[in-house]
PDB file of N, CA and C in Angstrom:
ATOM      1  N   MET A   1      75.856 -18.206 -41.419  1.00  0.00           N
ATOM      2  CA  MET A   1      76.735 -17.823 -40.338  1.00  0.00           C
ATOM      3  C   MET A   1      78.165 -17.815 -40.834  1.00  0.00           C
ATOM      4  N   SER A   2      78.886 -16.833 -40.364  1.00  0.00           N
ATOM      5  CA  SER A   2      80.280 -16.742 -40.772  1.00  0.00           C
ATOM      6  C   SER A   2      81.146 -17.490 -39.768  1.00  0.00           C
ATOM      7  N   ALA A   3      82.352 -17.761 -40.154  1.00  0.00           N
ATOM      8  CA  ALA A   3      83.244 -18.554 -39.323  1.00  0.00           C
ATOM      9  C   ALA A   3      83.683 -17.805 -38.078  1.00  0.00           C
ATOM     10  N   GLY A   4      83.800 -16.479 -38.154  1.00  0.00           N
ATOM     11  CA  GLY A   4      84.281 -15.700 -37.020  1.00  0.00           C
ATOM     12  C   GLY A   4      83.231 -15.464 -35.947  1.00  0.00           C
ATOM     13  N   TYR A   5      81.975 -15.604 -36.297  1.00  0.00           N
ATOM     14  CA  TYR A   5      80.890 -15.336 -35.353  1.00  0.00           C
ATOM     15  C   TYR A   5      80.041 -16.582 -35.196  1.00  0.00           C
ATOM     16  N   PRO A   6      80.192 -17.291 -34.109  1.00  0.00           N
ATOM     17  CA  PRO A   6      79.400 -18.510 -33.935  1.00  0.00           C
ATOM     18  C   PRO A   6      77.933 -18.218 -33.629  1.00  0.00           C
ATOM     19  N   TYR A   7      77.621 -17.037 -33.233  1.00  0.00           N
ATOM     20  CA  TYR A   7      76.232 -16.692 -32.944  1.00  0.00           C
ATOM     21  C   TYR A   7      75.937 -15.322 -33.547  1.00  0.00           C
ATOM     22  N   ARG A   8      74.680 -15.050 -33.717  1.00  0.00           N
ATOM     23  CA  ARG A   8      74.273 -13.758 -34.276  1.00  0.00           C
ATOM     24  C   ARG A   8      74.239 -12.723 -33.167  1.00  0.00           C
ATOM     25  N   THR A   9      74.822 -11.585 -33.454  1.00  0.00           N
ATOM     26  CA  THR A   9      74.735 -10.501 -32.475  1.00  0.00           C
ATOM     27  C   THR A   9      73.408  -9.796 -32.657  1.00  0.00           C
ATOM     28  N   ARG A  10      72.845  -9.446 -31.589  1.00  0.00           N
ATOM     29  CA  ARG A  10      71.531  -8.801 -31.630  1.00  0.00           C
ATOM     30  C   ARG A  10      71.721  -7.309 -31.390  1.00  0.00           C
ATOM     31  N   ARG A  11      71.225  -6.515 -32.327  1.00  0.00           N
ATOM     32  CA  ARG A  11      71.300  -5.061 -32.159  1.00  0.00           C
ATOM     33  C   ARG A  11      70.115  -4.612 -31.330  1.00  0.00           C
ATOM     34  N   SER A  12      70.429  -3.848 -30.326  1.00  0.00           N
ATOM     35  CA  SER A  12      69.343  -3.342 -29.490  1.00  0.00           C
ATOM     36  C   SER A  12      68.716  -2.109 -30.142  1.00  0.00           C
ATOM     37  N   ARG A  13      67.451  -1.919 -29.884  1.00  0.00           N
ATOM     38  CA  ARG A  13      66.749  -0.758 -30.413  1.00  0.00           C
ATOM     39  C   ARG A  13      67.142   0.474 -29.615  1.00  0.00           C
ATOM     40  N   PRO A  14      67.255   1.598 -30.283  1.00  0.00           N
ATOM     41  CA  PRO A  14      67.576   2.821 -29.538  1.00  0.00           C
ATOM     42  C   PRO A  14      66.398   3.243 -28.665  1.00  0.00           C
ATOM     43  N   ASN A  15      66.711   3.790 -27.523  1.00  0.00           N
ATOM     44  CA  ASN A  15      65.705   4.292 -26.598  1.00  0.00           C
ATOM     45  C   ASN A  15      65.208   5.633 -27.124  1.00  0.00           C
ATOM     46  N   ARG A  16      63.958   5.690 -27.569  1.00  0.00           N
ATOM     47  CA  ARG A  16      63.432   6.903 -28.198  1.00  0.00           C
ATOM     48  C   ARG A  16      63.307   8.059 -27.213  1.00  0.00           C
ATOM     49  N   SER A  17      62.966   7.783 -25.976  1.00  0.00           N
ATOM     50  CA  SER A  17      62.826   8.885 -25.026  1.00  0.00           C
ATOM     51  C   SER A  17      64.176   9.500 -24.701  1.00  0.00           C
ATOM     52  N   ALA A  18      65.211   8.701 -24.592  1.00  0.00           N
ATOM     53  CA  ALA A  18      66.543   9.247 -24.342  1.00  0.00           C
ATOM     54  C   ALA A  18      67.066   9.944 -25.592  1.00  0.00           C
ATOM     55  N   GLU A  19      66.715   9.404 -26.744  1.00  0.00           N
ATOM     56  CA  GLU A  19      67.161  10.002 -27.999  1.00  0.00           C
ATOM     57  C   GLU A  19      66.461  11.324 -28.265  1.00  0.00           C
ATOM     58  N   ALA A  20      65.245  11.479 -27.756  1.00  0.00           N
ATOM     59  CA  ALA A  20      64.459  12.678 -28.039  1.00  0.00           C
ATOM     60  C   ALA A  20      65.084  13.930 -27.437  1.00  0.00           C
ATOM     61  N   GLU A  21      65.676  13.825 -26.269  1.00  0.00           N
ATOM     62  CA  GLU A  21      66.233  14.997 -25.609  1.00  0.00           C
ATOM     63  C   GLU A  21      67.684  15.266 -25.990  1.00  0.00           C
ATOM     64  N   VAL A  22      68.315  14.343 -26.653  1.00  0.00           N
ATOM     65  CA  VAL A  22      69.722  14.505 -27.010  1.00  0.00           C
ATOM     66  C   VAL A  22      69.834  14.981 -28.449  1.00  0.00           C
ATOM     67  N   ASP A  23      70.503  16.077 -28.643  1.00  0.00           N
ATOM     68  CA  ASP A  23      70.818  16.604 -29.973  1.00  0.00           C
ATOM     69  C   ASP A  23      69.594  16.880 -30.840  1.00  0.00           C
ATOM     70  N   ARG A  24      68.486  17.160 -30.253  1.00  0.00           N
ATOM     71  CA  ARG A  24      67.313  17.566 -31.020  1.00  0.00           C
ATOM     72  C   ARG A  24      67.263  19.084 -31.049  1.00  0.00           C
ATOM     73  N   PRO A  25      67.159  19.657 -32.211  1.00  0.00           N
ATOM     74  CA  PRO A  25      67.092  21.114 -32.270  1.00  0.00           C
ATOM     75  C   PRO A  25      65.761  21.626 -31.743  1.00  0.00           C
ATOM     76  N   ARG A  26      65.816  22.713 -31.030  1.00  0.00           N
ATOM     77  CA  ARG A  26      64.610  23.344 -30.495  1.00  0.00           C
ATOM     78  C   ARG A  26      64.348  24.614 -31.283  1.00  0.00           C
ATOM     79  N   SER A  27      63.099  24.902 -31.488  1.00  0.00           N
ATOM     80  CA  SER A  27      62.713  26.046 -32.293  1.00  0.00           C
ATOM     81  C   SER A  27      62.500  27.277 -31.419  1.00  0.00           C
ATOM     82  N   HIS A  28      63.097  28.380 -31.832  1.00  0.00           N
ATOM     83  CA  HIS A  28      62.923  29.670 -31.160  1.00  0.00           C
ATOM     84  C   HIS A  28      62.058  30.604 -32.004  1.00  0.00           C
ATOM     85  N   ALA A  29      61.357  30.063 -32.988  1.00  0.00           N
ATOM     86  CA  ALA A  29      60.598  30.882 -33.937  1.00  0.00           C
ATOM     87  C   ALA A  29      59.440  31.623 -33.288  1.00  0.00           C
ATOM     88  N   ALA A  30      58.948  31.140 -32.162  1.00  0.00           N
ATOM     89  CA  ALA A  30      57.807  31.784 -31.513  1.00  0.00           C
ATOM     90  C   ALA A  30      58.198  33.077 -30.807  1.00  0.00           C
ATOM     91  N   ILE A  31      59.463  33.277 -30.523  1.00  0.00           N
ATOM     92  CA  ILE A  31      59.887  34.475 -29.786  1.00  0.00           C
ATOM     93  C   ILE A  31      59.635  35.745 -30.595  1.00  0.00           C
ATOM     94  N   PRO A  32      60.159  35.874 -31.818  1.00  0.00           N
ATOM     95  CA  PRO A  32      59.864  37.107 -32.561  1.00  0.00           C
ATOM     96  C   PRO A  32      58.389  37.244 -32.920  1.00  0.00           C
ATOM     97  N   ALA A  33      57.708  36.121 -33.142  1.00  0.00           N
ATOM     98  CA  ALA A  33      56.282  36.195 -33.463  1.00  0.00           C
ATOM     99  C   ALA A  33      55.487  36.742 -32.279  1.00  0.00           C
ATOM    100  N   ALA A  34      55.806  36.309 -31.078  1.00  0.00           N
ATOM    101  CA  ALA A  34      55.101  36.800 -29.887  1.00  0.00           C
ATOM    102  C   ALA A  34      55.392  38.277 -29.655  1.00  0.00           C
ATOM    103  N   ILE A  35      56.619  38.697 -29.893  1.00  0.00           N
ATOM    104  CA  ILE A  35      56.978  40.099 -29.701  1.00  0.00           C
ATOM    105  C   ILE A  35      56.261  40.979 -30.723  1.00  0.00           C
ATOM    106  N   VAL A  36      56.216  40.539 -31.979  1.00  0.00           N
ATOM    107  CA  VAL A  36      55.529  41.310 -33.014  1.00  0.00           C
ATOM    108  C   VAL A  36      54.040  41.400 -32.710  1.00  0.00           C
ATOM    109  N   LEU A  37      53.426  40.302 -32.286  1.00  0.00           N
ATOM    110  CA  LEU A  37      52.005  40.335 -31.936  1.00  0.00           C
ATOM    111  C   LEU A  37      51.738  41.264 -30.758  1.00  0.00           C
ATOM    112  N   ALA A  38      52.640  41.294 -29.782  1.00  0.00           N
ATOM    113  CA  ALA A  38      52.460  42.185 -28.635  1.00  0.00           C
ATOM    114  C   ALA A  38      52.546  43.647 -29.064  1.00  0.00           C
ATOM    115  N   VAL A  39      53.481  43.971 -29.944  1.00  0.00           N
ATOM    116  CA  VAL A  39      53.613  45.346 -30.423  1.00  0.00           C
ATOM    117  C   VAL A  39      52.385  45.754 -31.237  1.00  0.00           C
ATOM    118  N   ILE A  40      51.915  44.854 -32.094  1.00  0.00           N
ATOM    119  CA  ILE A  40      50.711  45.152 -32.882  1.00  0.00           C
ATOM    120  C   ILE A  40      49.510  45.359 -31.971  1.00  0.00           C
ATOM    121  N   ALA A  41      49.371  44.518 -30.957  1.00  0.00           N
ATOM    122  CA  ALA A  41      48.239  44.643 -30.029  1.00  0.00           C
ATOM    123  C   ALA A  41      48.304  45.951 -29.262  1.00  0.00           C
ATOM    124  N   LEU A  42      49.494  46.358 -28.850  1.00  0.00           N
ATOM    125  CA  LEU A  42      49.617  47.625 -28.127  1.00  0.00           C
ATOM    126  C   LEU A  42      49.355  48.816 -29.045  1.00  0.00           C
ATOM    127  N   TYR A  43      49.713  48.700 -30.314  1.00  0.00           N
ATOM    128  CA  TYR A  43      49.405  49.763 -31.267  1.00  0.00           C
ATOM    129  C   TYR A  43      47.899  49.870 -31.494  1.00  0.00           C
ATOM    130  N   LEU A  44      47.234  48.725 -31.616  1.00  0.00           N
ATOM    131  CA  LEU A  44      45.793  48.716 -31.845  1.00  0.00           C
ATOM    132  C   LEU A  44      44.998  49.088 -30.596  1.00  0.00           C
ATOM    133  N   ALA A  45      45.653  49.198 -29.464  1.00  0.00           N
ATOM    134  CA  ALA A  45      44.965  49.577 -28.225  1.00  0.00           C
ATOM    135  C   ALA A  45      44.460  51.013 -28.280  1.00  0.00           C
ATOM    136  N   ARG A  46      44.954  51.829 -29.227  1.00  0.00           N
ATOM    137  CA  ARG A  46      44.433  53.193 -29.371  1.00  0.00           C
ATOM    138  C   ARG A  46      42.965  53.178 -29.757  1.00  0.00           C
ATOM    139  N   TYR A  47      42.543  52.119 -30.454  1.00  0.00           N
ATOM    140  CA  TYR A  47      41.169  52.031 -30.906  1.00  0.00           C
ATOM    141  C   TYR A  47      40.257  51.389 -29.864  1.00  0.00           C
ATOM    142  N   THR A  48      40.727  50.343 -29.226  1.00  0.00           N
ATOM    143  CA  THR A  48      39.976  49.690 -28.165  1.00  0.00           C
ATOM    144  C   THR A  48      40.927  48.867 -27.302  1.00  0.00           C
ATOM    145  N   VAL A  49      40.639  48.817 -26.024  1.00  0.00           N
ATOM    146  CA  VAL A  49      41.488  48.031 -25.120  1.00  0.00           C
ATOM    147  C   VAL A  49      41.185  46.542 -25.236  1.00  0.00           C
ATOM    148  N   LEU A  50      40.205  46.187 -26.037  1.00  0.00           N
ATOM    149  CA  LEU A  50      39.897  44.775 -26.239  1.00  0.00           C
ATOM    150  C   LEU A  50      40.945  44.073 -27.109  1.00  0.00           C
ATOM    151  N   PHE A  51      41.637  44.827 -27.951  1.00  0.00           N
ATOM    152  CA  PHE A  51      42.669  44.220 -28.795  1.00  0.00           C
ATOM    153  C   PHE A  51      43.806  43.605 -27.968  1.00  0.00           C
ATOM    154  N   PRO A  52      44.421  44.341 -27.045  1.00  0.00           N
ATOM    155  CA  PRO A  52      45.482  43.694 -26.263  1.00  0.00           C
ATOM    156  C   PRO A  52      44.964  42.522 -25.440  1.00  0.00           C
ATOM    157  N   PHE A  53      43.743  42.643 -24.927  1.00  0.00           N
ATOM    158  CA  PHE A  53      43.180  41.548 -24.149  1.00  0.00           C
ATOM    159  C   PHE A  53      42.984  40.306 -25.018  1.00  0.00           C
ATOM    160  N   ALA A  54      42.417  40.493 -26.210  1.00  0.00           N
ATOM    161  CA  ALA A  54      42.178  39.359 -27.106  1.00  0.00           C
ATOM    162  C   ALA A  54      43.496  38.730 -27.564  1.00  0.00           C
ATOM    163  N   PHE A  55      44.465  39.555 -27.898  1.00  0.00           N
ATOM    164  CA  PHE A  55      45.769  39.021 -28.316  1.00  0.00           C
ATOM    165  C   PHE A  55      46.439  38.291 -27.152  1.00  0.00           C
ATOM    166  N   GLY A  56      46.275  38.806 -25.938  1.00  0.00           N
ATOM    167  CA  GLY A  56      46.838  38.149 -24.768  1.00  0.00           C
ATOM    168  C   GLY A  56      46.221  36.786 -24.521  1.00  0.00           C
ATOM    169  N   VAL A  57      44.917  36.682 -24.699  1.00  0.00           N
ATOM    170  CA  VAL A  57      44.237  35.391 -24.520  1.00  0.00           C
ATOM    171  C   VAL A  57      44.696  34.399 -25.586  1.00  0.00           C
ATOM    172  N   VAL A  58      44.817  34.873 -26.828  1.00  0.00           N
ATOM    173  CA  VAL A  58      45.281  33.998 -27.903  1.00  0.00           C
ATOM    174  C   VAL A  58      46.710  33.530 -27.635  1.00  0.00           C
ATOM    175  N   LEU A  59      47.571  34.430 -27.193  1.00  0.00           N
ATOM    176  CA  LEU A  59      48.944  34.037 -26.879  1.00  0.00           C
ATOM    177  C   LEU A  59      48.996  33.081 -25.692  1.00  0.00           C
ATOM    178  N   PHE A  60      48.098  33.259 -24.721  1.00  0.00           N
ATOM    179  CA  PHE A  60      48.072  32.345 -23.580  1.00  0.00           C
ATOM    180  C   PHE A  60      47.727  30.925 -24.031  1.00  0.00           C
ATOM    181  N   PHE A  61      46.698  30.792 -24.861  1.00  0.00           N
ATOM    182  CA  PHE A  61      46.333  29.458 -25.346  1.00  0.00           C
ATOM    183  C   PHE A  61      47.407  28.882 -26.267  1.00  0.00           C
ATOM    184  N   SER A  62      48.114  29.720 -26.992  1.00  0.00           N
ATOM    185  CA  SER A  62      49.241  29.241 -27.798  1.00  0.00           C
ATOM    186  C   SER A  62      50.357  28.729 -26.892  1.00  0.00           C
ATOM    187  N   GLY A  63      50.600  29.436 -25.803  1.00  0.00           N
ATOM    188  CA  GLY A  63      51.602  28.980 -24.847  1.00  0.00           C
ATOM    189  C   GLY A  63      51.231  27.653 -24.210  1.00  0.00           C
ATOM    190  N   VAL A  64      49.946  27.473 -23.919  1.00  0.00           N
ATOM    191  CA  VAL A  64      49.491  26.187 -23.375  1.00  0.00           C
ATOM    192  C   VAL A  64      49.700  25.080 -24.399  1.00  0.00           C
ATOM    193  N   SER A  65      49.432  25.371 -25.657  1.00  0.00           N
ATOM    194  CA  SER A  65      49.652  24.385 -26.714  1.00  0.00           C
ATOM    195  C   SER A  65      51.137  24.051 -26.842  1.00  0.00           C
ATOM    196  N   PHE A  66      51.996  25.061 -26.797  1.00  0.00           N
ATOM    197  CA  PHE A  66      53.439  24.820 -26.866  1.00  0.00           C
ATOM    198  C   PHE A  66      53.913  24.005 -25.666  1.00  0.00           C
ATOM    199  N   LEU A  67      53.390  24.313 -24.495  1.00  0.00           N
ATOM    200  CA  LEU A  67      53.758  23.569 -23.297  1.00  0.00           C
ATOM    201  C   LEU A  67      53.304  22.115 -23.410  1.00  0.00           C
ATOM    202  N   SER A  68      52.161  21.900 -24.021  1.00  0.00           N
ATOM    203  CA  SER A  68      51.649  20.545 -24.220  1.00  0.00           C
ATOM    204  C   SER A  68      52.557  19.731 -25.127  1.00  0.00           C
ATOM    205  N   THR A  69      53.180  20.387 -26.099  1.00  0.00           N
ATOM    206  CA  THR A  69      54.092  19.651 -26.990  1.00  0.00           C
ATOM    207  C   THR A  69      55.322  19.172 -26.244  1.00  0.00           C
ATOM    208  N   ARG A  70      55.674  19.824 -25.145  1.00  0.00           N
ATOM    209  CA  ARG A  70      56.848  19.418 -24.380  1.00  0.00           C
ATOM    210  C   ARG A  70      56.531  18.441 -23.259  1.00  0.00           C
ATOM    211  N   LEU A  71      55.308  18.499 -22.695  1.00  0.00           N
ATOM    212  CA  LEU A  71      55.031  17.734 -21.479  1.00  0.00           C
ATOM    213  C   LEU A  71      54.008  16.618 -21.629  1.00  0.00           C
ATOM    214  N   ASN A  72      53.072  16.729 -22.538  1.00  0.00           N
ATOM    215  CA  ASN A  72      51.938  15.816 -22.603  1.00  0.00           C
ATOM    216  C   ASN A  72      52.162  14.714 -23.641  1.00  0.00           C
ATOM    217  N   PRO A  73      52.440  13.492 -23.210  1.00  0.00           N
ATOM    218  CA  PRO A  73      52.651  12.417 -24.189  1.00  0.00           C
ATOM    219  C   PRO A  73      51.374  11.978 -24.893  1.00  0.00           C
ATOM    220  N   LEU A  74      50.207  12.396 -24.403  1.00  0.00           N
ATOM    221  CA  LEU A  74      48.949  12.049 -25.070  1.00  0.00           C
ATOM    222  C   LEU A  74      48.630  13.004 -26.221  1.00  0.00           C
ATOM    223  N   SER A  75      49.367  14.100 -26.297  1.00  0.00           N
ATOM    224  CA  SER A  75      49.173  15.051 -27.376  1.00  0.00           C
ATOM    225  C   SER A  75      49.889  14.544 -28.631  1.00  0.00           C
ATOM    226  N   PRO A  76      49.253  14.645 -29.793  1.00  0.00           N
ATOM    227  CA  PRO A  76      49.953  14.201 -31.006  1.00  0.00           C
ATOM    228  C   PRO A  76      51.168  15.069 -31.333  1.00  0.00           C
ATOM    229  N   HIS A  77      51.196  16.297 -30.843  1.00  0.00           N
ATOM    230  CA  HIS A  77      52.328  17.186 -31.105  1.00  0.00           C
ATOM    231  C   HIS A  77      53.533  16.842 -30.239  1.00  0.00           C
ATOM    232  N   PHE A  78      53.353  15.982 -29.245  1.00  0.00           N
ATOM    233  CA  PHE A  78      54.459  15.564 -28.386  1.00  0.00           C
ATOM    234  C   PHE A  78      55.518  14.826 -29.190  1.00  0.00           C
ATOM    235  N   TYR A  79      55.112  14.210 -30.277  1.00  0.00           N
ATOM    236  CA  TYR A  79      56.018  13.382 -31.060  1.00  0.00           C
ATOM    237  C   TYR A  79      56.589  14.097 -32.279  1.00  0.00           C
ATOM    238  N   LEU A  80      56.501  15.421 -32.305  1.00  0.00           N
ATOM    239  CA  LEU A  80      57.128  16.186 -33.373  1.00  0.00           C
ATOM    240  C   LEU A  80      58.640  16.088 -33.261  1.00  0.00           C
ATOM    241  N   THR A  81      59.325  16.211 -34.383  1.00  0.00           N
ATOM    242  CA  THR A  81      60.790  16.148 -34.339  1.00  0.00           C
ATOM    243  C   THR A  81      61.395  17.463 -33.874  1.00  0.00           C
ATOM    244  N   ARG A  82      60.738  18.580 -34.119  1.00  0.00           N
ATOM    245  CA  ARG A  82      61.238  19.886 -33.678  1.00  0.00           C
ATOM    246  C   ARG A  82      60.180  20.530 -32.801  1.00  0.00           C
ATOM    247  N   LYS A  83      60.536  20.730 -31.538  1.00  0.00           N
ATOM    248  CA  LYS A  83      59.604  21.291 -30.571  1.00  0.00           C
ATOM    249  C   LYS A  83      60.040  22.704 -30.208  1.00  0.00           C
ATOM    250  N   PRO A  84      59.115  23.511 -29.670  1.00  0.00           N
ATOM    251  CA  PRO A  84      59.507  24.855 -29.237  1.00  0.00           C
ATOM    252  C   PRO A  84      60.427  24.787 -28.019  1.00  0.00           C
ATOM    253  N   SER A  85      61.338  25.729 -27.943  1.00  0.00           N
ATOM    254  CA  SER A  85      62.269  25.756 -26.813  1.00  0.00           C
ATOM    255  C   SER A  85      61.548  26.274 -25.571  1.00  0.00           C
ATOM    256  N   TRP A  86      62.166  26.033 -24.421  1.00  0.00           N
ATOM    257  CA  TRP A  86      61.596  26.527 -23.166  1.00  0.00           C
ATOM    258  C   TRP A  86      61.583  28.046 -23.159  1.00  0.00           C
ATOM    259  N   ALA A  87      62.587  28.652 -23.761  1.00  0.00           N
ATOM    260  CA  ALA A  87      62.621  30.121 -23.833  1.00  0.00           C
ATOM    261  C   ALA A  87      61.458  30.648 -24.673  1.00  0.00           C
ATOM    262  N   ALA A  88      61.150  29.981 -25.764  1.00  0.00           N
ATOM    263  CA  ALA A  88      60.039  30.408 -26.612  1.00  0.00           C
ATOM    264  C   ALA A  88      58.711  30.284 -25.863  1.00  0.00           C
ATOM    265  N   ILE A  89      58.544  29.200 -25.132  1.00  0.00           N
ATOM    266  CA  ILE A  89      57.319  29.022 -24.347  1.00  0.00           C
ATOM    267  C   ILE A  89      57.212  30.112 -23.289  1.00  0.00           C
ATOM    268  N   GLY A  90      58.323  30.421 -22.635  1.00  0.00           N
ATOM    269  CA  GLY A  90      58.317  31.467 -21.615  1.00  0.00           C
ATOM    270  C   GLY A  90      58.000  32.837 -22.183  1.00  0.00           C
ATOM    271  N   VAL A  91      58.551  33.158 -23.341  1.00  0.00           N
ATOM    272  CA  VAL A  91      58.284  34.465 -23.953  1.00  0.00           C
ATOM    273  C   VAL A  91      56.827  34.575 -24.380  1.00  0.00           C
ATOM    274  N   VAL A  92      56.250  33.500 -24.885  1.00  0.00           N
ATOM    275  CA  VAL A  92      54.839  33.531 -25.288  1.00  0.00           C
ATOM    276  C   VAL A  92      53.955  33.756 -24.067  1.00  0.00           C
ATOM    277  N   PHE A  93      54.227  33.037 -22.971  1.00  0.00           N
ATOM    278  CA  PHE A  93      53.448  33.249 -21.748  1.00  0.00           C
ATOM    279  C   PHE A  93      53.662  34.650 -21.182  1.00  0.00           C
ATOM    280  N   LEU A  94      54.885  35.139 -21.220  1.00  0.00           N
ATOM    281  CA  LEU A  94      55.172  36.476 -20.716  1.00  0.00           C
ATOM    282  C   LEU A  94      54.446  37.541 -21.531  1.00  0.00           C
ATOM    283  N   ALA A  95      54.466  37.400 -22.842  1.00  0.00           N
ATOM    284  CA  ALA A  95      53.752  38.364 -23.700  1.00  0.00           C
ATOM    285  C   ALA A  95      52.253  38.319 -23.422  1.00  0.00           C
ATOM    286  N   ALA A  96      51.706  37.125 -23.189  1.00  0.00           N
ATOM    287  CA  ALA A  96      50.274  36.997 -22.899  1.00  0.00           C
ATOM    288  C   ALA A  96      49.922  37.701 -21.592  1.00  0.00           C
ATOM    289  N   VAL A  97      50.705  37.469 -20.578  1.00  0.00           N
ATOM    290  CA  VAL A  97      50.432  38.093 -19.276  1.00  0.00           C
ATOM    291  C   VAL A  97      50.581  39.609 -19.369  1.00  0.00           C
ATOM    292  N   LEU A  98      51.609  40.075 -20.044  1.00  0.00           N
ATOM    293  CA  LEU A  98      51.809  41.519 -20.168  1.00  0.00           C
ATOM    294  C   LEU A  98      50.692  42.187 -20.963  1.00  0.00           C
ATOM    295  N   LEU A  99      50.199  41.541 -21.990  1.00  0.00           N
ATOM    296  CA  LEU A  99      49.106  42.134 -22.773  1.00  0.00           C
ATOM    297  C   LEU A  99      47.802  42.194 -21.983  1.00  0.00           C
ATOM    298  N   VAL A 100      47.501  41.146 -21.244  1.00  0.00           N
ATOM    299  CA  VAL A 100      46.278  41.167 -20.431  1.00  0.00           C
ATOM    300  C   VAL A 100      46.409  42.225 -19.338  1.00  0.00           C
ATOM    301  N   TYR A 101      47.589  42.313 -18.726  1.00  0.00           N
ATOM    302  CA  TYR A 101      47.807  43.335 -17.697  1.00  0.00           C
ATOM    303  C   TYR A 101      47.735  44.742 -18.293  1.00  0.00           C
ATOM    304  N   ALA A 102      48.307  44.931 -19.474  1.00  0.00           N
ATOM    305  CA  ALA A 102      48.257  46.243 -20.124  1.00  0.00           C
ATOM    306  C   ALA A 102      46.820  46.629 -20.459  1.00  0.00           C
ATOM    307  N   ALA A 103      46.030  45.664 -20.923  1.00  0.00           N
ATOM    308  CA  ALA A 103      44.624  45.954 -21.234  1.00  0.00           C
ATOM    309  C   ALA A 103      43.869  46.338 -19.961  1.00  0.00           C
ATOM    310  N   TYR A 104      44.161  45.649 -18.878  1.00  0.00           N
ATOM    311  CA  TYR A 104      43.498  45.969 -17.604  1.00  0.00           C
ATOM    312  C   TYR A 104      43.881  47.368 -17.123  1.00  0.00           C
ATOM    313  N   GLU A 105      45.156  47.694 -17.208  1.00  0.00           N
ATOM    314  CA  GLU A 105      45.612  49.019 -16.773  1.00  0.00           C
ATOM    315  C   GLU A 105      45.035  50.124 -17.667  1.00  0.00           C
ATOM    316  N   MET A 106      44.984  49.882 -18.949  1.00  0.00           N
ATOM    317  CA  MET A 106      44.405  50.876 -19.865  1.00  0.00           C
ATOM    318  C   MET A 106      42.925  51.089 -19.567  1.00  0.00           C
ATOM    319  N   TRP A 107      42.233  50.030 -19.247  1.00  0.00           N
ATOM    320  CA  TRP A 107      40.812  50.147 -18.928  1.00  0.00           C
ATOM    321  C   TRP A 107      40.618  50.872 -17.596  1.00  0.00           C
ATOM    322  N   GLN A 108      41.438  50.571 -16.603  1.00  0.00           N
ATOM    323  CA  GLN A 108      41.321  51.205 -15.292  1.00  0.00           C
ATOM    324  C   GLN A 108      41.621  52.699 -15.358  1.00  0.00           C
ATOM    325  N   ARG A 109      42.602  53.064 -16.135  1.00  0.00           N
ATOM    326  CA  ARG A 109      43.022  54.462 -16.204  1.00  0.00           C
ATOM    327  C   ARG A 109      42.363  55.226 -17.348  1.00  0.00           C
ATOM    328  N   SER A 110      41.478  54.586 -18.051  1.00  0.00           N
ATOM    329  CA  SER A 110      40.736  55.187 -19.181  1.00  0.00           C
ATOM    330  C   SER A 110      41.669  55.745 -20.251  1.00  0.00           C
ATOM    331  N   TRP A 111      42.707  54.983 -20.589  1.00  0.00           N
ATOM    332  CA  TRP A 111      43.644  55.402 -21.626  1.00  0.00           C
ATOM    333  C   TRP A 111      43.124  55.102 -23.021  1.00  0.00           C
ATOM    334  N   GLY A 112      42.158  54.223 -23.113  1.00  0.00           N
ATOM    335  CA  GLY A 112      41.598  53.881 -24.417  1.00  0.00           C
ATOM    336  C   GLY A 112      40.148  53.491 -24.255  1.00  0.00           C
ATOM    337  N   PRO A 113      39.379  53.583 -25.314  1.00  0.00           N
ATOM    338  CA  PRO A 113      37.964  53.220 -25.210  1.00  0.00           C
ATOM    339  C   PRO A 113      37.781  51.712 -25.107  1.00  0.00           C
ATOM    340  N   LEU A 114      36.729  51.315 -24.454  1.00  0.00           N
ATOM    341  CA  LEU A 114      36.433  49.889 -24.384  1.00  0.00           C
ATOM    342  C   LEU A 114      35.925  49.392 -25.740  1.00  0.00           C
ATOM    343  N   PHE A 115      35.073  50.173 -26.370  1.00  0.00           N
ATOM    344  CA  PHE A 115      34.589  49.851 -27.696  1.00  0.00           C
ATOM    345  C   PHE A 115      35.062  50.922 -28.681  1.00  0.00           C
ATOM    346  N   PRO A 116      35.424  50.511 -29.884  1.00  0.00           N
ATOM    347  CA  PRO A 116      35.946  51.506 -30.842  1.00  0.00           C
ATOM    348  C   PRO A 116      34.878  52.532 -31.228  1.00  0.00           C
ATOM    349  N   HIS A 117      35.324  53.773 -31.408  1.00  0.00           N
ATOM    350  CA  HIS A 117      34.436  54.838 -31.870  1.00  0.00           C
ATOM    351  C   HIS A 117      34.489  54.867 -33.388  1.00  0.00           C
ATOM    352  N   LEU A 118      33.399  54.503 -33.986  1.00  0.00           N
ATOM    353  CA  LEU A 118      33.375  54.450 -35.458  1.00  0.00           C
ATOM    354  C   LEU A 118      32.803  55.696 -36.040  1.00  0.00           C
TER     355      LEU A 118
END
């Protein structure tokens, strides 16, 4: 013990939940990836309308996974240091909904075959 401090000061532990939302960078990397996948799916719709539907389902489950990283503390991805931004999650869900809707409209209006013609 030093002469100036008659007792030991105790350092408190930082609050991890408060620290998690402050100054943590959020990733926007999913936004261009979702847009590129949507464009590719719409291009491949000339061959079959199942492509946009399948890509839409995959993007929907990816959006659920991204949402789980932000909301579900039981998910191991909840404790990542860099999480997807809310905008990225929204764009992934939006692309999924638009692709499924586009596949439905293409099928209803017979703009593309259901099965590819080989």
